[in-house]
Amino acid sequence: MNRKQRRAAEKKEKSQSPEDKALAQKISLFGHLPDACNTCAAPFDKQNREMVFSWSVVVHQEEQKVRLFCPDCINKTKETLSVNQTNIDESTR
């Protein structure tokens, strides 16, 4: 890389906002997307549009890990959390 290219790259990097940098880093981690749900091991098809929009992706930047969860596991988790929250509310009364 010559001096002109290096300066152009540095200028481009400085002009990016912190939000753009964070988004770019998260997008780069999508290459590590698993092929199945991390909880129940249900298969995930990256070509299926419905699956892509209904499944949940959790990105941990510090650990450089990407976790994938199916809608069933997400719903079970939400139900469990709501039951636990109601139990906590009842016990604090």
PDB file of N, CA and C in Angstrom:
ATOM      1  N   MET A   1       0.857  -1.166   0.000  1.00  0.00           N
ATOM      2  CA  MET A   1       0.000   0.000   0.000  1.00  0.00           C
ATOM      3  C   MET A   1       0.911   1.238   0.000  1.00  0.00           C
ATOM      4  N   ASN A   2       0.674   2.104  -0.968  1.00  0.00           N
ATOM      5  CA  ASN A   2       1.514   3.297  -1.023  1.00  0.00           C
ATOM      6  C   ASN A   2       0.965   4.396  -0.109  1.00  0.00           C
ATOM      7  N   ARG A   3       1.703   5.489  -0.041  1.00  0.00           N
ATOM      8  CA  ARG A   3       1.368   6.574   0.890  1.00  0.00           C
ATOM      9  C   ARG A   3      -0.001   7.167   0.594  1.00  0.00           C
ATOM     10  N   LYS A   4      -0.326   7.362  -0.672  1.00  0.00           N
ATOM     11  CA  LYS A   4      -1.601   7.958  -1.063  1.00  0.00           C
ATOM     12  C   LYS A   4      -2.769   7.059  -0.637  1.00  0.00           C
ATOM     13  N   GLN A   5      -2.644   5.781  -0.854  1.00  0.00           N
ATOM     14  CA  GLN A   5      -3.691   4.839  -0.466  1.00  0.00           C
ATOM     15  C   GLN A   5      -3.834   4.771   1.050  1.00  0.00           C
ATOM     16  N   ARG A   6      -2.705   4.795   1.745  1.00  0.00           N
ATOM     17  CA  ARG A   6      -2.733   4.732   3.206  1.00  0.00           C
ATOM     18  C   ARG A   6      -3.428   5.964   3.778  1.00  0.00           C
ATOM     19  N   ARG A   7      -3.112   7.141   3.233  1.00  0.00           N
ATOM     20  CA  ARG A   7      -3.757   8.375   3.714  1.00  0.00           C
ATOM     21  C   ARG A   7      -5.254   8.365   3.422  1.00  0.00           C
ATOM     22  N   ALA A   8      -5.642   7.876   2.256  1.00  0.00           N
ATOM     23  CA  ALA A   8      -7.061   7.813   1.912  1.00  0.00           C
ATOM     24  C   ALA A   8      -7.796   6.867   2.858  1.00  0.00           C
ATOM     25  N   ALA A   9      -7.178   5.741   3.190  1.00  0.00           N
ATOM     26  CA  ALA A   9      -7.791   4.785   4.110  1.00  0.00           C
ATOM     27  C   ALA A   9      -7.931   5.389   5.511  1.00  0.00           C
ATOM     28  N   GLU A  10      -6.914   6.104   5.959  1.00  0.00           N
ATOM     29  CA  GLU A  10      -6.969   6.747   7.277  1.00  0.00           C
ATOM     30  C   GLU A  10      -8.046   7.822   7.318  1.00  0.00           C
ATOM     31  N   LYS A  11      -8.171   8.579   6.241  1.00  0.00           N
ATOM     32  CA  LYS A  11      -9.184   9.637   6.172  1.00  0.00           C
ATOM     33  C   LYS A  11     -10.584   9.029   6.200  1.00  0.00           C
ATOM     34  N   LYS A  12     -10.763   7.942   5.473  1.00  0.00           N
ATOM     35  CA  LYS A  12     -12.063   7.279   5.446  1.00  0.00           C
ATOM     36  C   LYS A  12     -12.412   6.726   6.824  1.00  0.00           C
ATOM     37  N   GLU A  13     -11.428   6.152   7.511  1.00  0.00           N
ATOM     38  CA  GLU A  13     -11.648   5.594   8.834  1.00  0.00           C
ATOM     39  C   GLU A  13     -12.025   6.683   9.838  1.00  0.00           C
ATOM     40  N   LYS A  14     -11.378   7.832   9.762  1.00  0.00           N
ATOM     41  CA  LYS A  14     -11.675   8.931  10.676  1.00  0.00           C
ATOM     42  C   LYS A  14     -13.049   9.526  10.418  1.00  0.00           C
ATOM     43  N   SER A  15     -13.507   9.473   9.161  1.00  0.00           N
ATOM     44  CA  SER A  15     -14.790  10.094   8.824  1.00  0.00           C
ATOM     45  C   SER A  15     -15.973   9.240   9.268  1.00  0.00           C
ATOM     46  N   GLN A  16     -15.759   7.953   9.590  1.00  0.00           N
ATOM     47  CA  GLN A  16     -16.842   7.096  10.034  1.00  0.00           C
ATOM     48  C   GLN A  16     -17.242   7.444  11.468  1.00  0.00           C
ATOM     49  N   SER A  17     -18.553   7.450  11.707  1.00  0.00           N
ATOM     50  CA  SER A  17     -19.033   7.715  13.058  1.00  0.00           C
ATOM     51  C   SER A  17     -18.848   6.458  13.915  1.00  0.00           C
ATOM     52  N   PRO A  18     -18.852   6.614  15.226  1.00  0.00           N
ATOM     53  CA  PRO A  18     -18.708   5.449  16.107  1.00  0.00           C
ATOM     54  C   PRO A  18     -19.822   4.415  15.890  1.00  0.00           C
ATOM     55  N   GLU A  19     -21.029   4.888  15.569  1.00  0.00           N
ATOM     56  CA  GLU A  19     -22.138   3.963  15.313  1.00  0.00           C
ATOM     57  C   GLU A  19     -21.862   3.123  14.074  1.00  0.00           C
ATOM     58  N   ASP A  20     -21.304   3.758  13.034  1.00  0.00           N
ATOM     59  CA  ASP A  20     -20.980   3.033  11.808  1.00  0.00           C
ATOM     60  C   ASP A  20     -19.896   1.988  12.059  1.00  0.00           C
ATOM     61  N   LYS A  21     -18.915   2.344  12.874  1.00  0.00           N
ATOM     62  CA  LYS A  21     -17.846   1.404  13.195  1.00  0.00           C
ATOM     63  C   LYS A  21     -18.397   0.208  13.967  1.00  0.00           C
ATOM     64  N   ALA A  22     -19.291   0.476  14.935  1.00  0.00           N
ATOM     65  CA  ALA A  22     -19.872  -0.603  15.724  1.00  0.00           C
ATOM     66  C   ALA A  22     -20.726  -1.515  14.842  1.00  0.00           C
ATOM     67  N   LEU A  23     -21.489  -0.922  13.957  1.00  0.00           N
ATOM     68  CA  LEU A  23     -22.317  -1.712  13.048  1.00  0.00           C
ATOM     69  C   LEU A  23     -21.449  -2.557  12.122  1.00  0.00           C
ATOM     70  N   ALA A  24     -20.389  -1.993  11.613  1.00  0.00           N
ATOM     71  CA  ALA A  24     -19.489  -2.744  10.733  1.00  0.00           C
ATOM     72  C   ALA A  24     -18.857  -3.922  11.472  1.00  0.00           C
ATOM     73  N   GLN A  25     -18.513  -3.717  12.725  1.00  0.00           N
ATOM     74  CA  GLN A  25     -17.928  -4.796  13.505  1.00  0.00           C
ATOM     75  C   GLN A  25     -18.943  -5.913  13.744  1.00  0.00           C
ATOM     76  N   LYS A  26     -20.197  -5.547  14.031  1.00  0.00           N
ATOM     77  CA  LYS A  26     -21.235  -6.557  14.243  1.00  0.00           C
ATOM     78  C   LYS A  26     -21.514  -7.331  12.959  1.00  0.00           C
ATOM     79  N   ILE A  27     -21.534  -6.631  11.847  1.00  0.00           N
ATOM     80  CA  ILE A  27     -21.785  -7.289  10.570  1.00  0.00           C
ATOM     81  C   ILE A  27     -20.658  -8.259  10.241  1.00  0.00           C
ATOM     82  N   SER A  28     -19.434  -7.892  10.569  1.00  0.00           N
ATOM     83  CA  SER A  28     -18.315  -8.798  10.302  1.00  0.00           C
ATOM     84  C   SER A  28     -18.426 -10.080  11.130  1.00  0.00           C
ATOM     85  N   LEU A  29     -19.064 -10.006  12.302  1.00  0.00           N
ATOM     86  CA  LEU A  29     -19.239 -11.186  13.140  1.00  0.00           C
ATOM     87  C   LEU A  29     -20.322 -12.125  12.605  1.00  0.00           C
ATOM     88  N   PHE A  30     -21.149 -11.664  11.671  1.00  0.00           N
ATOM     89  CA  PHE A  30     -22.191 -12.516  11.114  1.00  0.00           C
ATOM     90  C   PHE A  30     -21.609 -13.668  10.305  1.00  0.00           C
ATOM     91  N   GLY A  31     -20.346 -13.587   9.956  1.00  0.00           N
ATOM     92  CA  GLY A  31     -19.701 -14.710   9.302  1.00  0.00           C
ATOM     93  C   GLY A  31     -19.572 -15.901  10.234  1.00  0.00           C
ATOM     94  N   HIS A  32     -19.678 -15.669  11.536  1.00  0.00           N
ATOM     95  CA  HIS A  32     -19.582 -16.722  12.546  1.00  0.00           C
ATOM     96  C   HIS A  32     -20.957 -17.249  12.940  1.00  0.00           C
ATOM     97  N   LEU A  33     -21.991 -16.907  12.175  1.00  0.00           N
ATOM     98  CA  LEU A  33     -23.358 -17.311  12.489  1.00  0.00           C
ATOM     99  C   LEU A  33     -23.480 -18.839  12.458  1.00  0.00           C
ATOM    100  N   PRO A  34     -23.995 -19.431  13.533  1.00  0.00           N
ATOM    101  CA  PRO A  34     -24.121 -20.892  13.563  1.00  0.00           C
ATOM    102  C   PRO A  34     -25.213 -21.397  12.617  1.00  0.00           C
ATOM    103  N   ASP A  35     -25.237 -22.712  12.394  1.00  0.00           N
ATOM    104  CA  ASP A  35     -26.203 -23.327  11.492  1.00  0.00           C
ATOM    105  C   ASP A  35     -27.401 -23.913  12.224  1.00  0.00           C
ATOM    106  N   ALA A  36     -27.447 -23.749  13.543  1.00  0.00           N
ATOM    107  CA  ALA A  36     -28.539 -24.303  14.332  1.00  0.00           C
ATOM    108  C   ALA A  36     -28.767 -23.441  15.564  1.00  0.00           C
ATOM    109  N   CYS A  37     -29.927 -23.615  16.165  1.00  0.00           N
ATOM    110  CA  CYS A  37     -30.267 -22.904  17.399  1.00  0.00           C
ATOM    111  C   CYS A  37     -29.304 -23.328  18.498  1.00  0.00           C
ATOM    112  N   ASN A  38     -28.837 -22.371  19.274  1.00  0.00           N
ATOM    113  CA  ASN A  38     -27.879 -22.677  20.339  1.00  0.00           C
ATOM    114  C   ASN A  38     -28.525 -23.411  21.508  1.00  0.00           C
ATOM    115  N   THR A  39     -29.850 -23.355  21.621  1.00  0.00           N
ATOM    116  CA  THR A  39     -30.522 -23.999  22.739  1.00  0.00           C
ATOM    117  C   THR A  39     -31.025 -25.398  22.385  1.00  0.00           C
ATOM    118  N   CYS A  40     -31.797 -25.502  21.301  1.00  0.00           N
ATOM    119  CA  CYS A  40     -32.437 -26.786  20.979  1.00  0.00           C
ATOM    120  C   CYS A  40     -31.840 -27.472  19.753  1.00  0.00           C
ATOM    121  N   ALA A  41     -30.872 -26.856  19.107  1.00  0.00           N
ATOM    122  CA  ALA A  41     -30.189 -27.418  17.932  1.00  0.00           C
ATOM    123  C   ALA A  41     -31.096 -27.576  16.716  1.00  0.00           C
ATOM    124  N   ALA A  42     -32.171 -26.795  16.646  1.00  0.00           N
ATOM    125  CA  ALA A  42     -33.020 -26.809  15.451  1.00  0.00           C
ATOM    126  C   ALA A  42     -32.220 -26.223  14.286  1.00  0.00           C
ATOM    127  N   PRO A  43     -32.279 -26.841  13.110  1.00  0.00           N
ATOM    128  CA  PRO A  43     -31.467 -26.362  11.984  1.00  0.00           C
ATOM    129  C   PRO A  43     -31.926 -24.993  11.481  1.00  0.00           C
ATOM    130  N   PHE A  44     -30.976 -24.190  11.051  1.00  0.00           N
ATOM    131  CA  PHE A  44     -31.246 -22.846  10.534  1.00  0.00           C
ATOM    132  C   PHE A  44     -30.810 -22.775   9.076  1.00  0.00           C
ATOM    133  N   ASP A  45     -31.732 -22.379   8.207  1.00  0.00           N
ATOM    134  CA  ASP A  45     -31.451 -22.247   6.783  1.00  0.00           C
ATOM    135  C   ASP A  45     -31.266 -20.768   6.463  1.00  0.00           C
ATOM    136  N   LYS A  46     -30.064 -20.379   6.123  1.00  0.00           N
ATOM    137  CA  LYS A  46     -29.755 -18.975   5.850  1.00  0.00           C
ATOM    138  C   LYS A  46     -30.440 -18.460   4.587  1.00  0.00           C
ATOM    139  N   GLN A  47     -30.882 -19.372   3.726  1.00  0.00           N
ATOM    140  CA  GLN A  47     -31.533 -18.983   2.474  1.00  0.00           C
ATOM    141  C   GLN A  47     -33.042 -18.792   2.629  1.00  0.00           C
ATOM    142  N   ASN A  48     -33.600 -19.252   3.740  1.00  0.00           N
ATOM    143  CA  ASN A  48     -35.034 -19.152   3.991  1.00  0.00           C
ATOM    144  C   ASN A  48     -35.348 -17.779   4.589  1.00  0.00           C
ATOM    145  N   ARG A  49     -36.065 -16.967   3.834  1.00  0.00           N
ATOM    146  CA  ARG A  49     -36.362 -15.592   4.250  1.00  0.00           C
ATOM    147  C   ARG A  49     -37.162 -15.553   5.558  1.00  0.00           C
ATOM    148  N   GLU A  50     -38.110 -16.454   5.697  1.00  0.00           N
ATOM    149  CA  GLU A  50     -38.934 -16.480   6.906  1.00  0.00           C
ATOM    150  C   GLU A  50     -38.081 -16.764   8.142  1.00  0.00           C
ATOM    151  N   MET A  51     -37.159 -17.704   8.027  1.00  0.00           N
ATOM    152  CA  MET A  51     -36.274 -18.022   9.155  1.00  0.00           C
ATOM    153  C   MET A  51     -35.373 -16.846   9.493  1.00  0.00           C
ATOM    154  N   VAL A  52     -34.862 -16.187   8.479  1.00  0.00           N
ATOM    155  CA  VAL A  52     -33.939 -15.071   8.702  1.00  0.00           C
ATOM    156  C   VAL A  52     -34.624 -13.961   9.502  1.00  0.00           C
ATOM    157  N   PHE A  53     -35.899 -13.716   9.220  1.00  0.00           N
ATOM    158  CA  PHE A  53     -36.595 -12.635   9.907  1.00  0.00           C
ATOM    159  C   PHE A  53     -37.218 -13.047  11.238  1.00  0.00           C
ATOM    160  N   SER A  54     -37.413 -14.338  11.476  1.00  0.00           N
ATOM    161  CA  SER A  54     -38.075 -14.753  12.711  1.00  0.00           C
ATOM    162  C   SER A  54     -37.104 -15.204  13.806  1.00  0.00           C
ATOM    163  N   TRP A  55     -35.924 -15.637  13.448  1.00  0.00           N
ATOM    164  CA  TRP A  55     -34.950 -16.086  14.442  1.00  0.00           C
ATOM    165  C   TRP A  55     -34.223 -14.892  15.046  1.00  0.00           C
ATOM    166  N   SER A  56     -33.699 -15.063  16.258  1.00  0.00           N
ATOM    167  CA  SER A  56     -32.999 -13.984  16.958  1.00  0.00           C
ATOM    168  C   SER A  56     -31.501 -14.255  17.008  1.00  0.00           C
ATOM    169  N   VAL A  57     -30.738 -13.203  16.772  1.00  0.00           N
ATOM    170  CA  VAL A  57     -29.286 -13.280  16.799  1.00  0.00           C
ATOM    171  C   VAL A  57     -28.780 -12.413  17.949  1.00  0.00           C
ATOM    172  N   VAL A  58     -27.897 -12.972  18.762  1.00  0.00           N
ATOM    173  CA  VAL A  58     -27.282 -12.233  19.864  1.00  0.00           C
ATOM    174  C   VAL A  58     -25.784 -12.186  19.603  1.00  0.00           C
ATOM    175  N   VAL A  59     -25.233 -10.967  19.578  1.00  0.00           N
ATOM    176  CA  VAL A  59     -23.815 -10.781  19.287  1.00  0.00           C
ATOM    177  C   VAL A  59     -23.121 -10.287  20.545  1.00  0.00           C
ATOM    178  N   HIS A  60     -22.094 -11.017  20.988  1.00  0.00           N
ATOM    179  CA  HIS A  60     -21.261 -10.605  22.114  1.00  0.00           C
ATOM    180  C   HIS A  60     -19.922 -10.167  21.532  1.00  0.00           C
ATOM    181  N   GLN A  61     -19.719  -8.860  21.446  1.00  0.00           N
ATOM    182  CA  GLN A  61     -18.514  -8.336  20.810  1.00  0.00           C
ATOM    183  C   GLN A  61     -17.259  -8.653  21.606  1.00  0.00           C
ATOM    184  N   GLU A  62     -17.331  -8.569  22.935  1.00  0.00           N
ATOM    185  CA  GLU A  62     -16.142  -8.793  23.744  1.00  0.00           C
ATOM    186  C   GLU A  62     -15.611 -10.212  23.564  1.00  0.00           C
ATOM    187  N   GLU A  63     -16.528 -11.165  23.486  1.00  0.00           N
ATOM    188  CA  GLU A  63     -16.142 -12.559  23.356  1.00  0.00           C
ATOM    189  C   GLU A  63     -16.018 -12.996  21.902  1.00  0.00           C
ATOM    190  N   GLN A  64     -16.410 -12.138  20.972  1.00  0.00           N
ATOM    191  CA  GLN A  64     -16.412 -12.460  19.547  1.00  0.00           C
ATOM    192  C   GLN A  64     -17.279 -13.689  19.283  1.00  0.00           C
ATOM    193  N   LYS A  65     -18.460 -13.730  19.918  1.00  0.00           N
ATOM    194  CA  LYS A  65     -19.374 -14.853  19.754  1.00  0.00           C
ATOM    195  C   LYS A  65     -20.708 -14.387  19.206  1.00  0.00           C
ATOM    196  N   VAL A  66     -21.283 -15.232  18.354  1.00  0.00           N
ATOM    197  CA  VAL A  66     -22.597 -14.978  17.792  1.00  0.00           C
ATOM    198  C   VAL A  66     -23.479 -16.162  18.176  1.00  0.00           C
ATOM    199  N   ARG A  67     -24.619 -15.872  18.771  1.00  0.00           N
ATOM    200  CA  ARG A  67     -25.538 -16.933  19.175  1.00  0.00           C
ATOM    201  C   ARG A  67     -26.845 -16.774  18.426  1.00  0.00           C
ATOM    202  N   LEU A  68     -27.458 -17.899  18.092  1.00  0.00           N
ATOM    203  CA  LEU A  68     -28.669 -17.929  17.290  1.00  0.00           C
ATOM    204  C   LEU A  68     -29.753 -18.678  18.055  1.00  0.00           C
ATOM    205  N   PHE A  69     -30.974 -18.105  18.096  1.00  0.00           N
ATOM    206  CA  PHE A  69     -32.074 -18.712  18.834  1.00  0.00           C
ATOM    207  C   PHE A  69     -33.322 -18.756  17.971  1.00  0.00           C
ATOM    208  N   CYS A  70     -34.007 -19.906  18.003  1.00  0.00           N
ATOM    209  CA  CYS A  70     -35.236 -20.077  17.222  1.00  0.00           C
ATOM    210  C   CYS A  70     -36.394 -19.389  17.939  1.00  0.00           C
ATOM    211  N   PRO A  71     -37.503 -19.121  17.235  1.00  0.00           N
ATOM    212  CA  PRO A  71     -38.654 -18.454  17.860  1.00  0.00           C
ATOM    213  C   PRO A  71     -39.238 -19.239  19.042  1.00  0.00           C
ATOM    214  N   ASP A  72     -39.245 -20.588  18.959  1.00  0.00           N
ATOM    215  CA  ASP A  72     -39.782 -21.391  20.062  1.00  0.00           C
ATOM    216  C   ASP A  72     -38.980 -21.179  21.344  1.00  0.00           C
ATOM    217  N   CYS A  73     -37.668 -21.189  21.219  1.00  0.00           N
ATOM    218  CA  CYS A  73     -36.808 -20.996  22.399  1.00  0.00           C
ATOM    219  C   CYS A  73     -36.962 -19.586  22.964  1.00  0.00           C
ATOM    220  N   ILE A  74     -37.091 -18.612  22.086  1.00  0.00           N
ATOM    221  CA  ILE A  74     -37.296 -17.229  22.540  1.00  0.00           C
ATOM    222  C   ILE A  74     -38.613 -17.109  23.307  1.00  0.00           C
ATOM    223  N   ASN A  75     -39.683 -17.710  22.773  1.00  0.00           N
ATOM    224  CA  ASN A  75     -40.986 -17.645  23.449  1.00  0.00           C
ATOM    225  C   ASN A  75     -40.948 -18.353  24.800  1.00  0.00           C
ATOM    226  N   LYS A  76     -40.290 -19.520  24.870  1.00  0.00           N
ATOM    227  CA  LYS A  76     -40.177 -20.237  26.138  1.00  0.00           C
ATOM    228  C   LYS A  76     -39.419 -19.394  27.165  1.00  0.00           C
ATOM    229  N   THR A  77     -38.371 -18.730  26.719  1.00  0.00           N
ATOM    230  CA  THR A  77     -37.582 -17.887  27.613  1.00  0.00           C
ATOM    231  C   THR A  77     -38.406 -16.704  28.117  1.00  0.00           C
ATOM    232  N   LYS A  78     -39.167 -16.080  27.220  1.00  0.00           N
ATOM    233  CA  LYS A  78     -40.010 -14.952  27.634  1.00  0.00           C
ATOM    234  C   LYS A  78     -41.072 -15.387  28.631  1.00  0.00           C
ATOM    235  N   GLU A  79     -41.678 -16.558  28.392  1.00  0.00           N
ATOM    236  CA  GLU A  79     -42.682 -17.074  29.324  1.00  0.00           C
ATOM    237  C   GLU A  79     -42.071 -17.334  30.694  1.00  0.00           C
ATOM    238  N   THR A  80     -40.914 -17.949  30.700  1.00  0.00           N
ATOM    239  CA  THR A  80     -40.237 -18.248  31.962  1.00  0.00           C
ATOM    240  C   THR A  80     -39.894 -16.963  32.712  1.00  0.00           C
ATOM    241  N   LEU A  81     -39.402 -15.971  31.984  1.00  0.00           N
ATOM    242  CA  LEU A  81     -39.065 -14.705  32.625  1.00  0.00           C
ATOM    243  C   LEU A  81     -40.299 -14.004  33.174  1.00  0.00           C
ATOM    244  N   SER A  82     -41.414 -14.059  32.458  1.00  0.00           N
ATOM    245  CA  SER A  82     -42.628 -13.411  32.955  1.00  0.00           C
ATOM    246  C   SER A  82     -43.161 -14.121  34.194  1.00  0.00           C
ATOM    247  N   VAL A  83     -43.096 -15.455  34.209  1.00  0.00           N
ATOM    248  CA  VAL A  83     -43.527 -16.208  35.392  1.00  0.00           C
ATOM    249  C   VAL A  83     -42.628 -15.869  36.574  1.00  0.00           C
ATOM    250  N   ASN A  84     -41.333 -15.822  36.353  1.00  0.00           N
ATOM    251  CA  ASN A  84     -40.405 -15.476  37.431  1.00  0.00           C
ATOM    252  C   ASN A  84     -40.651 -14.060  37.935  1.00  0.00           C
ATOM    253  N   GLN A  85     -40.947 -13.147  37.031  1.00  0.00           N
ATOM    254  CA  GLN A  85     -41.209 -11.759  37.428  1.00  0.00           C
ATOM    255  C   GLN A  85     -42.469 -11.665  38.276  1.00  0.00           C
ATOM    256  N   THR A  86     -43.514 -12.393  37.890  1.00  0.00           N
ATOM    257  CA  THR A  86     -44.729 -12.362  38.690  1.00  0.00           C
ATOM    258  C   THR A  86     -44.497 -12.996  40.058  1.00  0.00           C
ATOM    259  N   ASN A  87     -43.692 -14.058  40.117  1.00  0.00           N
ATOM    260  CA  ASN A  87     -43.373 -14.667  41.408  1.00  0.00           C
ATOM    261  C   ASN A  87     -42.590 -13.703  42.300  1.00  0.00           C
ATOM    262  N   ILE A  88     -41.669 -12.964  41.715  1.00  0.00           N
ATOM    263  CA  ILE A  88     -40.904 -11.980  42.469  1.00  0.00           C
ATOM    264  C   ILE A  88     -41.803 -10.863  42.962  1.00  0.00           C
ATOM    265  N   ASP A  89     -42.723 -10.401  42.090  1.00  0.00           N
ATOM    266  CA  ASP A  89     -43.656  -9.340  42.493  1.00  0.00           C
ATOM    267  C   ASP A  89     -44.554  -9.793  43.631  1.00  0.00           C
ATOM    268  N   GLU A  90     -45.031 -11.035  43.588  1.00  0.00           N
ATOM    269  CA  GLU A  90     -45.908 -11.556  44.627  1.00  0.00           C
ATOM    270  C   GLU A  90     -45.158 -11.742  45.953  1.00  0.00           C
ATOM    271  N   SER A  91     -43.913 -12.144  45.866  1.00  0.00           N
ATOM    272  CA  SER A  91     -43.144 -12.386  47.094  1.00  0.00           C
ATOM    273  C   SER A  91     -42.713 -11.083  47.775  1.00  0.00           C
ATOM    274  N   THR A  92     -42.650  -9.999  47.034  1.00  0.00           N
ATOM    275  CA  THR A  92     -42.231  -8.722  47.635  1.00  0.00           C
ATOM    276  C   THR A  92     -43.400  -7.959  48.244  1.00  0.00           C
ATOM    277  N   ARG A  93     -44.601  -8.453  48.090  1.00  0.00           N
ATOM    278  CA  ARG A  93     -45.774  -7.745  48.639  1.00  0.00           C
ATOM    279  C   ARG A  93     -45.920  -7.950  50.100  1.00  0.00           C
TER     280      ARG A  93
END
